[in-house]
Amino acid sequence: MAKYEIKSPNERLTAKRGKATFVNGLAVTEDEKLATAYKLTGYEVNVIEEKKPEPKKAPAKKATTTRKKAAAKKKEE
């Protein structure tokens, strides 16, 4: 889901305006309609692209050669 950054014309604005809470002139929302409404009333709106987390890689399996060597050693004895 996209996030929208709403920038107030007043860079020092720290208050709730409508449904958005501004801190130092910036508010963030996921509501596209809300972002559009602010844009139509003179606020600057930017889309924030979210970085998708990379899937975790499974840990590499240890080579089973040590097990094979241990089994071969037992057979030799």
N, C-alpha and C. Protein backbone atom coordinates (compact mmCIF):
# COMPACT_ATOMS: atom_id res chain seq x y z
N MET A 1 0.84 -1.17 0.00
CA MET A 1 0.00 0.00 0.00
C MET A 1 0.89 1.24 0.00
N ALA A 2 0.53 2.21 -0.78
CA ALA A 2 1.34 3.42 -0.90
C ALA A 2 1.11 4.34 0.30
N LYS A 3 2.13 5.08 0.64
CA LYS A 3 2.03 6.09 1.69
C LYS A 3 2.19 7.45 1.03
N TYR A 4 1.52 8.44 1.61
CA TYR A 4 1.56 9.78 1.08
C TYR A 4 2.10 10.73 2.14
N GLU A 5 3.03 11.59 1.73
CA GLU A 5 3.58 12.61 2.61
C GLU A 5 2.91 13.92 2.25
N ILE A 6 2.29 14.54 3.22
CA ILE A 6 1.60 15.81 3.00
C ILE A 6 2.43 16.90 3.64
N LYS A 7 2.80 17.89 2.83
CA LYS A 7 3.64 18.98 3.32
C LYS A 7 2.80 20.25 3.41
N SER A 8 2.78 20.82 4.59
CA SER A 8 2.03 22.04 4.84
C SER A 8 2.80 23.25 4.32
N PRO A 9 2.09 24.29 3.87
CA PRO A 9 2.77 25.52 3.49
C PRO A 9 3.52 26.15 4.68
N ASN A 10 3.03 25.90 5.90
CA ASN A 10 3.67 26.39 7.11
C ASN A 10 4.59 25.28 7.62
N GLU A 11 5.90 25.47 7.48
CA GLU A 11 6.87 24.45 7.86
C GLU A 11 6.93 24.19 9.36
N ARG A 12 6.39 25.09 10.16
CA ARG A 12 6.43 24.91 11.61
C ARG A 12 5.13 24.35 12.18
N LEU A 13 4.22 24.00 11.33
CA LEU A 13 2.92 23.50 11.79
C LEU A 13 3.07 22.17 12.52
N THR A 14 2.63 22.15 13.77
CA THR A 14 2.60 20.92 14.56
C THR A 14 1.23 20.89 15.24
N ALA A 15 0.27 20.26 14.53
CA ALA A 15 -1.10 20.22 15.02
C ALA A 15 -1.91 19.24 14.18
N LYS A 16 -3.10 18.97 14.64
CA LYS A 16 -3.99 18.10 13.88
C LYS A 16 -4.86 18.99 13.00
N ARG A 17 -4.84 18.73 11.72
CA ARG A 17 -5.66 19.46 10.76
C ARG A 17 -6.53 18.44 10.03
N GLY A 18 -7.82 18.46 10.33
CA GLY A 18 -8.70 17.46 9.72
C GLY A 18 -8.35 16.09 10.27
N LYS A 19 -8.10 15.16 9.38
CA LYS A 19 -7.76 13.79 9.79
C LYS A 19 -6.26 13.53 9.79
N ALA A 20 -5.47 14.55 9.51
CA ALA A 20 -4.02 14.37 9.46
C ALA A 20 -3.36 15.11 10.61
N THR A 21 -2.33 14.50 11.17
CA THR A 21 -1.56 15.12 12.23
C THR A 21 -0.22 15.56 11.66
N PHE A 22 0.04 16.85 11.72
CA PHE A 22 1.26 17.42 11.18
C PHE A 22 2.29 17.61 12.29
N VAL A 23 3.52 17.26 11.99
CA VAL A 23 4.65 17.50 12.89
C VAL A 23 5.72 18.19 12.07
N ASN A 24 6.05 19.41 12.47
CA ASN A 24 7.01 20.24 11.73
C ASN A 24 6.62 20.37 10.25
N GLY A 25 5.34 20.52 10.00
CA GLY A 25 4.85 20.76 8.64
C GLY A 25 4.65 19.52 7.79
N LEU A 26 4.86 18.31 8.35
CA LEU A 26 4.70 17.08 7.57
C LEU A 26 3.71 16.13 8.23
N ALA A 27 2.91 15.48 7.39
CA ALA A 27 2.00 14.43 7.85
C ALA A 27 2.13 13.27 6.88
N VAL A 28 1.90 12.05 7.37
CA VAL A 28 1.98 10.85 6.54
C VAL A 28 0.68 10.08 6.68
N THR A 29 0.15 9.62 5.54
CA THR A 29 -1.09 8.86 5.56
C THR A 29 -1.06 7.79 4.47
N GLU A 30 -1.89 6.77 4.63
CA GLU A 30 -2.06 5.75 3.59
C GLU A 30 -3.37 5.97 2.84
N ASP A 31 -4.15 6.95 3.27
CA ASP A 31 -5.46 7.23 2.69
C ASP A 31 -5.30 8.11 1.44
N GLU A 32 -5.54 7.51 0.28
CA GLU A 32 -5.36 8.22 -0.99
C GLU A 32 -6.35 9.37 -1.12
N LYS A 33 -7.58 9.17 -0.68
CA LYS A 33 -8.60 10.23 -0.78
C LYS A 33 -8.22 11.42 0.09
N LEU A 34 -7.70 11.15 1.27
CA LEU A 34 -7.28 12.22 2.16
C LEU A 34 -6.13 13.01 1.54
N ALA A 35 -5.18 12.31 0.97
CA ALA A 35 -4.04 12.96 0.32
C ALA A 35 -4.51 13.83 -0.84
N THR A 36 -5.45 13.32 -1.61
CA THR A 36 -5.99 14.09 -2.75
C THR A 36 -6.70 15.34 -2.26
N ALA A 37 -7.46 15.23 -1.18
CA ALA A 37 -8.18 16.38 -0.64
C ALA A 37 -7.21 17.47 -0.19
N TYR A 38 -6.13 17.09 0.46
CA TYR A 38 -5.13 18.07 0.87
C TYR A 38 -4.45 18.70 -0.33
N LYS A 39 -4.20 17.90 -1.36
CA LYS A 39 -3.55 18.42 -2.57
C LYS A 39 -4.43 19.48 -3.23
N LEU A 40 -5.72 19.23 -3.26
CA LEU A 40 -6.66 20.18 -3.87
C LEU A 40 -6.79 21.47 -3.09
N THR A 41 -6.40 21.46 -1.82
CA THR A 41 -6.50 22.67 -1.00
C THR A 41 -5.16 23.38 -0.83
N GLY A 42 -4.14 23.01 -1.63
CA GLY A 42 -2.90 23.77 -1.64
C GLY A 42 -1.72 23.14 -0.92
N TYR A 43 -1.90 21.95 -0.37
CA TYR A 43 -0.78 21.27 0.28
C TYR A 43 0.01 20.49 -0.76
N GLU A 44 1.29 20.34 -0.54
CA GLU A 44 2.14 19.54 -1.42
C GLU A 44 2.04 18.08 -0.97
N VAL A 45 1.76 17.18 -1.91
CA VAL A 45 1.61 15.76 -1.59
C VAL A 45 2.60 14.95 -2.42
N ASN A 46 3.37 14.09 -1.75
CA ASN A 46 4.33 13.22 -2.44
C ASN A 46 4.04 11.78 -2.06
N VAL A 47 4.25 10.89 -3.03
CA VAL A 47 4.10 9.46 -2.77
C VAL A 47 5.42 8.94 -2.24
N ILE A 48 5.35 8.25 -1.13
CA ILE A 48 6.54 7.65 -0.54
C ILE A 48 6.58 6.20 -0.99
N GLU A 49 7.66 5.82 -1.64
CA GLU A 49 7.79 4.44 -2.08
C GLU A 49 8.37 3.61 -0.95
N GLU A 50 7.67 2.55 -0.64
CA GLU A 50 8.13 1.68 0.43
C GLU A 50 9.08 0.64 -0.12
N LYS A 51 10.13 0.38 0.63
CA LYS A 51 11.04 -0.68 0.24
C LYS A 51 10.46 -2.00 0.73
N LYS A 52 10.33 -2.93 -0.18
CA LYS A 52 9.82 -4.23 0.20
C LYS A 52 10.94 -5.02 0.87
N PRO A 53 10.64 -5.62 2.00
CA PRO A 53 11.69 -6.39 2.67
C PRO A 53 12.08 -7.60 1.83
N GLU A 54 13.38 -7.84 1.76
CA GLU A 54 13.86 -8.97 0.99
C GLU A 54 13.57 -10.25 1.76
N PRO A 55 13.16 -11.29 1.05
CA PRO A 55 12.89 -12.54 1.76
C PRO A 55 14.16 -13.07 2.41
N LYS A 56 13.98 -13.62 3.59
CA LYS A 56 15.15 -14.15 4.31
C LYS A 56 15.62 -15.42 3.64
N LYS A 57 16.92 -15.50 3.49
CA LYS A 57 17.50 -16.69 2.88
C LYS A 57 17.68 -17.75 3.95
N ALA A 58 17.42 -18.98 3.57
CA ALA A 58 17.62 -20.08 4.49
C ALA A 58 19.11 -20.25 4.72
N PRO A 59 19.50 -20.58 5.94
CA PRO A 59 20.93 -20.77 6.19
C PRO A 59 21.46 -21.92 5.34
N ALA A 60 22.66 -21.75 4.87
CA ALA A 60 23.28 -22.77 4.03
C ALA A 60 23.45 -24.05 4.83
N LYS A 61 23.16 -25.16 4.18
CA LYS A 61 23.31 -26.44 4.85
C LYS A 61 24.78 -26.79 4.92
N LYS A 62 25.17 -27.34 6.05
CA LYS A 62 26.56 -27.74 6.21
C LYS A 62 26.80 -29.00 5.39
N ALA A 63 27.97 -29.09 4.89
CA ALA A 63 28.32 -30.26 4.09
C ALA A 63 28.25 -31.51 4.96
N THR A 64 27.73 -32.57 4.39
CA THR A 64 27.58 -33.81 5.14
C THR A 64 28.83 -34.67 5.04
N THR A 65 29.88 -34.12 4.46
CA THR A 65 31.10 -34.92 4.29
C THR A 65 31.69 -35.34 5.64
N THR A 66 31.53 -34.52 6.67
CA THR A 66 32.07 -34.90 7.97
C THR A 66 31.34 -36.13 8.51
N ARG A 67 30.04 -36.20 8.27
CA ARG A 67 29.29 -37.37 8.73
C ARG A 67 29.73 -38.61 7.95
N LYS A 68 29.93 -38.43 6.65
CA LYS A 68 30.35 -39.57 5.82
C LYS A 68 31.73 -40.05 6.24
N LYS A 69 32.62 -39.09 6.52
CA LYS A 69 33.98 -39.46 6.93
C LYS A 69 33.93 -40.20 8.26
N ALA A 70 33.10 -39.75 9.19
CA ALA A 70 33.00 -40.40 10.49
C ALA A 70 32.45 -41.81 10.35
N ALA A 71 31.45 -41.99 9.46
CA ALA A 71 30.88 -43.33 9.24
C ALA A 71 31.91 -44.24 8.60
N ALA A 72 32.69 -43.73 7.64
CA ALA A 72 33.73 -44.54 6.98
C ALA A 72 34.81 -44.93 7.98
N LYS A 73 35.12 -44.01 8.89
CA LYS A 73 36.16 -44.28 9.89
C LYS A 73 35.72 -45.41 10.82
N LYS A 74 34.44 -45.40 11.18
CA LYS A 74 33.91 -46.45 12.06
C LYS A 74 33.96 -47.81 11.37
N LYS A 75 33.66 -47.84 10.08
CA LYS A 75 33.68 -49.09 9.31
C LYS A 75 35.08 -49.67 9.26
N GLU A 76 36.08 -48.79 9.15
CA GLU A 76 37.47 -49.23 9.07
C GLU A 76 37.92 -49.90 10.37
N GLU A 77 37.36 -49.49 11.48
CA GLU A 77 37.79 -50.01 12.77
C GLU A 77 37.27 -51.36 13.03
